[in-house]
Amino acid sequence: ALPAGTTPAYETLSTLLHTRYSCR
């Protein structure tokens, strides 16, 4: 279900990095 060359762990980390923001 994942793109070639990636892993579930990478996808989770990437999602966190792309969705985190500075809460004000």
mmCIF file of all heavy atoms, coordinates in Angstrom:
data_MODEL
# 
_entry.id   MODEL 
# 
loop_
_atom_site.group_PDB 
_atom_site.id 
_atom_site.type_symbol 
_atom_site.label_atom_id 
_atom_site.label_alt_id 
_atom_site.label_comp_id 
_atom_site.label_asym_id 
_atom_site.label_entity_id 
_atom_site.label_seq_id 
_atom_site.pdbx_PDB_ins_code 
_atom_site.Cartn_x 
_atom_site.Cartn_y 
_atom_site.Cartn_z 
_atom_site.occupancy 
_atom_site.B_iso_or_equiv 
_atom_site.pdbx_formal_charge 
_atom_site.auth_seq_id 
_atom_site.auth_comp_id 
_atom_site.auth_asym_id 
_atom_site.auth_atom_id 
_atom_site.pdbx_PDB_model_num 
ATOM 1   N N   . ALA A 1 1  ? 0.812  -1.216 0.000  1.00 0.00 ? 1  ALA A N   1 
ATOM 2   C CA  . ALA A 1 1  ? 0.000  0.000  0.000  1.00 0.00 ? 1  ALA A CA  1 
ATOM 3   C C   . ALA A 1 1  ? 0.845  1.266  0.000  1.00 0.00 ? 1  ALA A C   1 
ATOM 4   O O   . ALA A 1 1  ? 0.320  2.359  -0.179 1.00 0.00 ? 1  ALA A O   1 
ATOM 5   C CB  . ALA A 1 1  ? -0.919 -0.004 1.219  1.00 0.00 ? 1  ALA A CB  1 
ATOM 6   N N   . LEU A 1 2  ? 2.147  1.140  0.200  1.00 0.00 ? 2  LEU A N   1 
ATOM 7   C CA  . LEU A 1 2  ? 3.024  2.297  0.285  1.00 0.00 ? 2  LEU A CA  1 
ATOM 8   C C   . LEU A 1 2  ? 3.848  2.436  -0.990 1.00 0.00 ? 2  LEU A C   1 
ATOM 9   O O   . LEU A 1 2  ? 4.112  1.457  -1.678 1.00 0.00 ? 2  LEU A O   1 
ATOM 10  C CB  . LEU A 1 2  ? 3.963  2.161  1.483  1.00 0.00 ? 2  LEU A CB  1 
ATOM 11  C CG  . LEU A 1 2  ? 3.291  2.159  2.860  1.00 0.00 ? 2  LEU A CG  1 
ATOM 12  C CD1 . LEU A 1 2  ? 4.306  1.821  3.929  1.00 0.00 ? 2  LEU A CD1 1 
ATOM 13  C CD2 . LEU A 1 2  ? 2.658  3.513  3.133  1.00 0.00 ? 2  LEU A CD2 1 
ATOM 14  N N   . PRO A 1 3  ? 4.289  3.660  -1.292 1.00 0.00 ? 3  PRO A N   1 
ATOM 15  C CA  . PRO A 1 3  ? 5.170  3.840  -2.453 1.00 0.00 ? 3  PRO A CA  1 
ATOM 16  C C   . PRO A 1 3  ? 6.437  3.013  -2.307 1.00 0.00 ? 3  PRO A C   1 
ATOM 17  O O   . PRO A 1 3  ? 6.922  2.778  -1.201 1.00 0.00 ? 3  PRO A O   1 
ATOM 18  C CB  . PRO A 1 3  ? 5.478  5.341  -2.425 1.00 0.00 ? 3  PRO A CB  1 
ATOM 19  C CG  . PRO A 1 3  ? 4.396  5.953  -1.607 1.00 0.00 ? 3  PRO A CG  1 
ATOM 20  C CD  . PRO A 1 3  ? 3.988  4.919  -0.607 1.00 0.00 ? 3  PRO A CD  1 
ATOM 21  N N   . ALA A 1 4  ? 6.983  2.577  -3.424 1.00 0.00 ? 4  ALA A N   1 
ATOM 22  C CA  . ALA A 1 4  ? 8.204  1.780  -3.389 1.00 0.00 ? 4  ALA A CA  1 
ATOM 23  C C   . ALA A 1 4  ? 9.313  2.557  -2.702 1.00 0.00 ? 4  ALA A C   1 
ATOM 24  O O   . ALA A 1 4  ? 9.480  3.759  -2.901 1.00 0.00 ? 4  ALA A O   1 
ATOM 25  C CB  . ALA A 1 4  ? 8.627  1.424  -4.817 1.00 0.00 ? 4  ALA A CB  1 
ATOM 26  N N   . GLY A 1 5  ? 10.066 1.865  -1.848 1.00 0.00 ? 5  GLY A N   1 
ATOM 27  C CA  . GLY A 1 5  ? 11.199 2.481  -1.188 1.00 0.00 ? 5  GLY A CA  1 
ATOM 28  C C   . GLY A 1 5  ? 10.875 3.168  0.110  1.00 0.00 ? 5  GLY A C   1 
ATOM 29  O O   . GLY A 1 5  ? 11.762 3.732  0.752  1.00 0.00 ? 5  GLY A O   1 
ATOM 30  N N   . THR A 1 6  ? 9.634  3.124  0.555  1.00 0.00 ? 6  THR A N   1 
ATOM 31  C CA  . THR A 1 6  ? 9.270  3.768  1.826  1.00 0.00 ? 6  THR A CA  1 
ATOM 32  C C   . THR A 1 6  ? 8.814  2.704  2.815  1.00 0.00 ? 6  THR A C   1 
ATOM 33  O O   . THR A 1 6  ? 8.779  1.519  2.514  1.00 0.00 ? 6  THR A O   1 
ATOM 34  C CB  . THR A 1 6  ? 8.183  4.838  1.605  1.00 0.00 ? 6  THR A CB  1 
ATOM 35  O OG1 . THR A 1 6  ? 8.036  5.608  2.796  1.00 0.00 ? 6  THR A OG1 1 
ATOM 36  C CG2 . THR A 1 6  ? 6.843  4.207  1.259  1.00 0.00 ? 6  THR A CG2 1 
ATOM 37  N N   . THR A 1 7  ? 8.497  3.120  4.031  1.00 0.00 ? 7  THR A N   1 
ATOM 38  C CA  . THR A 1 7  ? 8.060  2.210  5.089  1.00 0.00 ? 7  THR A CA  1 
ATOM 39  C C   . THR A 1 7  ? 6.946  2.879  5.887  1.00 0.00 ? 7  THR A C   1 
ATOM 40  O O   . THR A 1 7  ? 6.790  4.108  5.837  1.00 0.00 ? 7  THR A O   1 
ATOM 41  C CB  . THR A 1 7  ? 9.214  1.885  6.058  1.00 0.00 ? 7  THR A CB  1 
ATOM 42  O OG1 . THR A 1 7  ? 9.593  3.091  6.747  1.00 0.00 ? 7  THR A OG1 1 
ATOM 43  C CG2 . THR A 1 7  ? 10.414 1.303  5.326  1.00 0.00 ? 7  THR A CG2 1 
ATOM 44  N N   . PRO A 1 8  ? 6.178  2.111  6.644  1.00 0.00 ? 8  PRO A N   1 
ATOM 45  C CA  . PRO A 1 8  ? 5.170  2.738  7.515  1.00 0.00 ? 8  PRO A CA  1 
ATOM 46  C C   . PRO A 1 8  ? 5.779  3.748  8.483  1.00 0.00 ? 8  PRO A C   1 
ATOM 47  O O   . PRO A 1 8  ? 5.182  4.792  8.752  1.00 0.00 ? 8  PRO A O   1 
ATOM 48  C CB  . PRO A 1 8  ? 4.565  1.541  8.252  1.00 0.00 ? 8  PRO A CB  1 
ATOM 49  C CG  . PRO A 1 8  ? 4.763  0.387  7.331  1.00 0.00 ? 8  PRO A CG  1 
ATOM 50  C CD  . PRO A 1 8  ? 6.083  0.634  6.662  1.00 0.00 ? 8  PRO A CD  1 
ATOM 51  N N   . ALA A 1 9  ? 6.957  3.442  9.015  1.00 0.00 ? 9  ALA A N   1 
ATOM 52  C CA  . ALA A 1 9  ? 7.596  4.366  9.951  1.00 0.00 ? 9  ALA A CA  1 
ATOM 53  C C   . ALA A 1 9  ? 7.926  5.692  9.271  1.00 0.00 ? 9  ALA A C   1 
ATOM 54  O O   . ALA A 1 9  ? 7.724  6.771  9.845  1.00 0.00 ? 9  ALA A O   1 
ATOM 55  C CB  . ALA A 1 9  ? 8.860  3.736  10.537 1.00 0.00 ? 9  ALA A CB  1 
ATOM 56  N N   . TYR A 1 10 ? 8.442  5.624  8.051  1.00 0.00 ? 10 TYR A N   1 
ATOM 57  C CA  . TYR A 1 10 ? 8.769  6.851  7.313  1.00 0.00 ? 10 TYR A CA  1 
ATOM 58  C C   . TYR A 1 10 ? 7.503  7.660  7.044  1.00 0.00 ? 10 TYR A C   1 
ATOM 59  O O   . TYR A 1 10 ? 7.494  8.893  7.185  1.00 0.00 ? 10 TYR A O   1 
ATOM 60  C CB  . TYR A 1 10 ? 9.461  6.520  5.998  1.00 0.00 ? 10 TYR A CB  1 
ATOM 61  C CG  . TYR A 1 10 ? 9.755  7.746  5.162  1.00 0.00 ? 10 TYR A CG  1 
ATOM 62  C CD1 . TYR A 1 10 ? 10.931 8.465  5.342  1.00 0.00 ? 10 TYR A CD1 1 
ATOM 63  C CD2 . TYR A 1 10 ? 8.843  8.197  4.204  1.00 0.00 ? 10 TYR A CD2 1 
ATOM 64  C CE1 . TYR A 1 10 ? 11.202 9.602  4.585  1.00 0.00 ? 10 TYR A CE1 1 
ATOM 65  C CE2 . TYR A 1 10 ? 9.098  9.340  3.461  1.00 0.00 ? 10 TYR A CE2 1 
ATOM 66  C CZ  . TYR A 1 10 ? 10.277 10.029 3.646  1.00 0.00 ? 10 TYR A CZ  1 
ATOM 67  O OH  . TYR A 1 10 ? 10.519 11.160 2.915  1.00 0.00 ? 10 TYR A OH  1 
ATOM 68  N N   . GLU A 1 11 ? 6.436  6.985  6.645  1.00 0.00 ? 11 GLU A N   1 
ATOM 69  C CA  . GLU A 1 11 ? 5.191  7.679  6.344  1.00 0.00 ? 11 GLU A CA  1 
ATOM 70  C C   . GLU A 1 11 ? 4.635  8.388  7.588  1.00 0.00 ? 11 GLU A C   1 
ATOM 71  O O   . GLU A 1 11 ? 4.161  9.520  7.508  1.00 0.00 ? 11 GLU A O   1 
ATOM 72  C CB  . GLU A 1 11 ? 4.159  6.693  5.784  1.00 0.00 ? 11 GLU A CB  1 
ATOM 73  C CG  . GLU A 1 11 ? 4.516  6.126  4.418  1.00 0.00 ? 11 GLU A CG  1 
ATOM 74  C CD  . GLU A 1 11 ? 4.595  7.194  3.348  1.00 0.00 ? 11 GLU A CD  1 
ATOM 75  O OE1 . GLU A 1 11 ? 3.728  8.081  3.324  1.00 0.00 ? 11 GLU A OE1 1 
ATOM 76  O OE2 . GLU A 1 11 ? 5.538  7.151  2.542  1.00 0.00 ? 11 GLU A OE2 1 
ATOM 77  N N   . THR A 1 12 ? 4.720  7.716  8.739  1.00 0.00 ? 12 THR A N   1 
ATOM 78  C CA  . THR A 1 12 ? 4.244  8.335  9.982  1.00 0.00 ? 12 THR A CA  1 
ATOM 79  C C   . THR A 1 12 ? 5.077  9.559  10.326 1.00 0.00 ? 12 THR A C   1 
ATOM 80  O O   . THR A 1 12 ? 4.538  10.631 10.651 1.00 0.00 ? 12 THR A O   1 
ATOM 81  C CB  . THR A 1 12 ? 4.306  7.323  11.138 1.00 0.00 ? 12 THR A CB  1 
ATOM 82  O OG1 . THR A 1 12 ? 3.431  6.229  10.842 1.00 0.00 ? 12 THR A OG1 1 
ATOM 83  C CG2 . THR A 1 12 ? 3.876  7.965  12.451 1.00 0.00 ? 12 THR A CG2 1 
ATOM 84  N N   . LEU A 1 13 ? 6.397  9.416  10.249 1.00 0.00 ? 13 LEU A N   1 
ATOM 85  C CA  . LEU A 1 13 ? 7.274  10.543 10.562 1.00 0.00 ? 13 LEU A CA  1 
ATOM 86  C C   . LEU A 1 13 ? 7.050  11.688 9.591  1.00 0.00 ? 13 LEU A C   1 
ATOM 87  O O   . LEU A 1 13 ? 6.969  12.866 9.999  1.00 0.00 ? 13 LEU A O   1 
ATOM 88  C CB  . LEU A 1 13 ? 8.739  10.095 10.508 1.00 0.00 ? 13 LEU A CB  1 
ATOM 89  C CG  . LEU A 1 13 ? 9.780  11.189 10.744 1.00 0.00 ? 13 LEU A CG  1 
ATOM 90  C CD1 . LEU A 1 13 ? 9.599  11.838 12.106 1.00 0.00 ? 13 LEU A CD1 1 
ATOM 91  C CD2 . LEU A 1 13 ? 11.190 10.626 10.601 1.00 0.00 ? 13 LEU A CD2 1 
ATOM 92  N N   . SER A 1 14 ? 6.920  11.385 8.312  1.00 0.00 ? 14 SER A N   1 
ATOM 93  C CA  . SER A 1 14 ? 6.703  12.422 7.308  1.00 0.00 ? 14 SER A CA  1 
ATOM 94  C C   . SER A 1 14 ? 5.389  13.165 7.563  1.00 0.00 ? 14 SER A C   1 
ATOM 95  O O   . SER A 1 14 ? 5.316  14.395 7.442  1.00 0.00 ? 14 SER A O   1 
ATOM 96  C CB  . SER A 1 14 ? 6.708  11.813 5.907  1.00 0.00 ? 14 SER A CB  1 
ATOM 97  O OG  . SER A 1 14 ? 6.543  12.806 4.920  1.00 0.00 ? 14 SER A OG  1 
ATOM 98  N N   . THR A 1 15 ? 4.356  12.428 7.929  1.00 0.00 ? 15 THR A N   1 
ATOM 99  C CA  . THR A 1 15 ? 3.065  13.062 8.231  1.00 0.00 ? 15 THR A CA  1 
ATOM 100 C C   . THR A 1 15 ? 3.185  14.017 9.407  1.00 0.00 ? 15 THR A C   1 
ATOM 101 O O   . THR A 1 15 ? 2.675  15.143 9.372  1.00 0.00 ? 15 THR A O   1 
ATOM 102 C CB  . THR A 1 15 ? 2.006  11.995 8.528  1.00 0.00 ? 15 THR A CB  1 
ATOM 103 O OG1 . THR A 1 15 ? 1.795  11.203 7.344  1.00 0.00 ? 15 THR A OG1 1 
ATOM 104 C CG2 . THR A 1 15 ? 0.679  12.621 8.933  1.00 0.00 ? 15 THR A CG2 1 
ATOM 105 N N   . LEU A 1 16 ? 3.876  13.591 10.467 1.00 0.00 ? 16 LEU A N   1 
ATOM 106 C CA  . LEU A 1 16 ? 4.059  14.458 11.630 1.00 0.00 ? 16 LEU A CA  1 
ATOM 107 C C   . LEU A 1 16 ? 4.833  15.716 11.250 1.00 0.00 ? 16 LEU A C   1 
ATOM 108 O O   . LEU A 1 16 ? 4.483  16.825 11.660 1.00 0.00 ? 16 LEU A O   1 
ATOM 109 C CB  . LEU A 1 16 ? 4.794  13.702 12.741 1.00 0.00 ? 16 LEU A CB  1 
ATOM 110 C CG  . LEU A 1 16 ? 4.002  12.604 13.441 1.00 0.00 ? 16 LEU A CG  1 
ATOM 111 C CD1 . LEU A 1 16 ? 4.912  11.803 14.374 1.00 0.00 ? 16 LEU A CD1 1 
ATOM 112 C CD2 . LEU A 1 16 ? 2.833  13.197 14.224 1.00 0.00 ? 16 LEU A CD2 1 
ATOM 113 N N   . LEU A 1 17 ? 5.888  15.557 10.462 1.00 0.00 ? 17 LEU A N   1 
ATOM 114 C CA  . LEU A 1 17 ? 6.703  16.701 10.079 1.00 0.00 ? 17 LEU A CA  1 
ATOM 115 C C   . LEU A 1 17 ? 5.935  17.677 9.195  1.00 0.00 ? 17 LEU A C   1 
ATOM 116 O O   . LEU A 1 17 ? 6.111  18.894 9.296  1.00 0.00 ? 17 LEU A O   1 
ATOM 117 C CB  . LEU A 1 17 ? 7.962  16.222 9.355  1.00 0.00 ? 17 LEU A CB  1 
ATOM 118 C CG  . LEU A 1 17 ? 9.023  15.557 10.235 1.00 0.00 ? 17 LEU A CG  1 
ATOM 119 C CD1 . LEU A 1 17 ? 10.041 14.815 9.374  1.00 0.00 ? 17 LEU A CD1 1 
ATOM 120 C CD2 . LEU A 1 17 ? 9.724  16.598 11.111 1.00 0.00 ? 17 LEU A CD2 1 
ATOM 121 N N   . HIS A 1 18 ? 5.079  17.145 8.325  1.00 0.00 ? 18 HIS A N   1 
ATOM 122 C CA  . HIS A 1 18 ? 4.346  17.998 7.389  1.00 0.00 ? 18 HIS A CA  1 
ATOM 123 C C   . HIS A 1 18 ? 3.119  18.660 8.027  1.00 0.00 ? 18 HIS A C   1 
ATOM 124 O O   . HIS A 1 18 ? 2.632  19.671 7.503  1.00 0.00 ? 18 HIS A O   1 
ATOM 125 C CB  . HIS A 1 18 ? 3.913  17.197 6.158  1.00 0.00 ? 18 HIS A CB  1 
ATOM 126 C CG  . HIS A 1 18 ? 5.011  17.000 5.154  1.00 0.00 ? 18 HIS A CG  1 
ATOM 127 N ND1 . HIS A 1 18 ? 5.960  16.008 5.271  1.00 0.00 ? 18 HIS A ND1 1 
ATOM 128 C CD2 . HIS A 1 18 ? 5.325  17.692 4.026  1.00 0.00 ? 18 HIS A CD2 1 
ATOM 129 C CE1 . HIS A 1 18 ? 6.808  16.079 4.255  1.00 0.00 ? 18 HIS A CE1 1 
ATOM 130 N NE2 . HIS A 1 18 ? 6.447  17.091 3.494  1.00 0.00 ? 18 HIS A NE2 1 
ATOM 131 N N   . THR A 1 19 ? 2.615  18.108 9.125  1.00 0.00 ? 19 THR A N   1 
ATOM 132 C CA  . THR A 1 19 ? 1.389  18.659 9.712  1.00 0.00 ? 19 THR A CA  1 
ATOM 133 C C   . THR A 1 19 ? 1.635  19.444 11.002 1.00 0.00 ? 19 THR A C   1 
ATOM 134 O O   . THR A 1 19 ? 0.761  20.184 11.445 1.00 0.00 ? 19 THR A O   1 
ATOM 135 C CB  . THR A 1 19 ? 0.359  17.548 10.007 1.00 0.00 ? 19 THR A CB  1 
ATOM 136 O OG1 . THR A 1 19 ? 0.934  16.569 10.886 1.00 0.00 ? 19 THR A OG1 1 
ATOM 137 C CG2 . THR A 1 19 ? -0.069 16.858 8.716  1.00 0.00 ? 19 THR A CG2 1 
ATOM 138 N N   . ARG A 1 20 ? 2.810  19.309 11.602 1.00 0.00 ? 20 ARG A N   1 
ATOM 139 C CA  . ARG A 1 20 ? 3.108  20.072 12.812 1.00 0.00 ? 20 ARG A CA  1 
ATOM 140 C C   . ARG A 1 20 ? 3.172  21.566 12.480 1.00 0.00 ? 20 ARG A C   1 
ATOM 141 O O   . ARG A 1 20 ? 3.579  21.964 11.406 1.00 0.00 ? 20 ARG A O   1 
ATOM 142 C CB  . ARG A 1 20 ? 4.455  19.631 13.404 1.00 0.00 ? 20 ARG A CB  1 
ATOM 143 C CG  . ARG A 1 20 ? 4.724  20.211 14.785 1.00 0.00 ? 20 ARG A CG  1 
ATOM 144 C CD  . ARG A 1 20 ? 6.203  20.327 15.076 1.00 0.00 ? 20 ARG A CD  1 
ATOM 145 N NE  . ARG A 1 20 ? 6.869  21.263 14.180 1.00 0.00 ? 20 ARG A NE  1 
ATOM 146 C CZ  . ARG A 1 20 ? 6.848  22.583 14.308 1.00 0.00 ? 20 ARG A CZ  1 
ATOM 147 N NH1 . ARG A 1 20 ? 6.158  23.157 15.286 1.00 0.00 ? 20 ARG A NH1 1 
ATOM 148 N NH2 . ARG A 1 20 ? 7.496  23.345 13.441 1.00 0.00 ? 20 ARG A NH2 1 
ATOM 149 N N   . TYR A 1 21 ? 2.757  22.381 13.428 1.00 0.00 ? 21 TYR A N   1 
ATOM 150 C CA  . TYR A 1 21 ? 2.820  23.833 13.245 1.00 0.00 ? 21 TYR A CA  1 
ATOM 151 C C   . TYR A 1 21 ? 3.068  24.473 14.606 1.00 0.00 ? 21 TYR A C   1 
ATOM 152 O O   . TYR A 1 21 ? 2.921  23.833 15.654 1.00 0.00 ? 21 TYR A O   1 
ATOM 153 C CB  . TYR A 1 21 ? 1.497  24.362 12.659 1.00 0.00 ? 21 TYR A CB  1 
ATOM 154 C CG  . TYR A 1 21 ? 0.305  24.163 13.559 1.00 0.00 ? 21 TYR A CG  1 
ATOM 155 C CD1 . TYR A 1 21 ? -0.138 25.177 14.417 1.00 0.00 ? 21 TYR A CD1 1 
ATOM 156 C CD2 . TYR A 1 21 ? -0.374 22.948 13.584 1.00 0.00 ? 21 TYR A CD2 1 
ATOM 157 C CE1 . TYR A 1 21 ? -1.220 24.980 15.260 1.00 0.00 ? 21 TYR A CE1 1 
ATOM 158 C CE2 . TYR A 1 21 ? -1.453 22.746 14.438 1.00 0.00 ? 21 TYR A CE2 1 
ATOM 159 C CZ  . TYR A 1 21 ? -1.863 23.762 15.263 1.00 0.00 ? 21 TYR A CZ  1 
ATOM 160 O OH  . TYR A 1 21 ? -2.932 23.557 16.107 1.00 0.00 ? 21 TYR A OH  1 
ATOM 161 N N   . SER A 1 22 ? 3.476  25.730 14.601 1.00 0.00 ? 22 SER A N   1 
ATOM 162 C CA  . SER A 1 22 ? 3.678  26.473 15.837 1.00 0.00 ? 22 SER A CA  1 
ATOM 163 C C   . SER A 1 22 ? 2.335  26.971 16.342 1.00 0.00 ? 22 SER A C   1 
ATOM 164 O O   . SER A 1 22 ? 1.701  27.823 15.710 1.00 0.00 ? 22 SER A O   1 
ATOM 165 C CB  . SER A 1 22 ? 4.631  27.648 15.605 1.00 0.00 ? 22 SER A CB  1 
ATOM 166 O OG  . SER A 1 22 ? 5.937  27.174 15.329 1.00 0.00 ? 22 SER A OG  1 
ATOM 167 N N   . CYS A 1 23 ? 1.899  26.427 17.470 1.00 0.00 ? 23 CYS A N   1 
ATOM 168 C CA  . CYS A 1 23 ? 0.599  26.781 18.041 1.00 0.00 ? 23 CYS A CA  1 
ATOM 169 C C   . CYS A 1 23 ? 0.740  28.096 18.806 1.00 0.00 ? 23 CYS A C   1 
ATOM 170 O O   . CYS A 1 23 ? 1.596  28.226 19.689 1.00 0.00 ? 23 CYS A O   1 
ATOM 171 C CB  . CYS A 1 23 ? 0.135  25.662 18.973 1.00 0.00 ? 23 CYS A CB  1 
ATOM 172 S SG  . CYS A 1 23 ? -1.478 25.936 19.704 1.00 0.00 ? 23 CYS A SG  1 
ATOM 173 N N   . ARG A 1 24 ? -0.107 29.073 18.472 1.00 0.00 ? 24 ARG A N   1 
ATOM 174 C CA  . ARG A 1 24 ? -0.035 30.378 19.123 1.00 0.00 ? 24 ARG A CA  1 
ATOM 175 C C   . ARG A 1 24 ? -1.360 30.776 19.773 1.00 0.00 ? 24 ARG A C   1 
ATOM 176 O O   . ARG A 1 24 ? -1.607 31.959 19.994 1.00 0.00 ? 24 ARG A O   1 
ATOM 177 C CB  . ARG A 1 24 ? 0.402  31.443 18.110 1.00 0.00 ? 24 ARG A CB  1 
ATOM 178 C CG  . ARG A 1 24 ? 1.844  31.270 17.628 1.00 0.00 ? 24 ARG A CG  1 
ATOM 179 C CD  . ARG A 1 24 ? 2.244  32.379 16.681 1.00 0.00 ? 24 ARG A CD  1 
ATOM 180 N NE  . ARG A 1 24 ? 3.634  32.305 16.283 1.00 0.00 ? 24 ARG A NE  1 
ATOM 181 C CZ  . ARG A 1 24 ? 4.077  31.618 15.230 1.00 0.00 ? 24 ARG A CZ  1 
ATOM 182 N NH1 . ARG A 1 24 ? 3.224  30.934 14.477 1.00 0.00 ? 24 ARG A NH1 1 
ATOM 183 N NH2 . ARG A 1 24 ? 5.370  31.617 14.934 1.00 0.00 ? 24 ARG A NH2 1 
# 
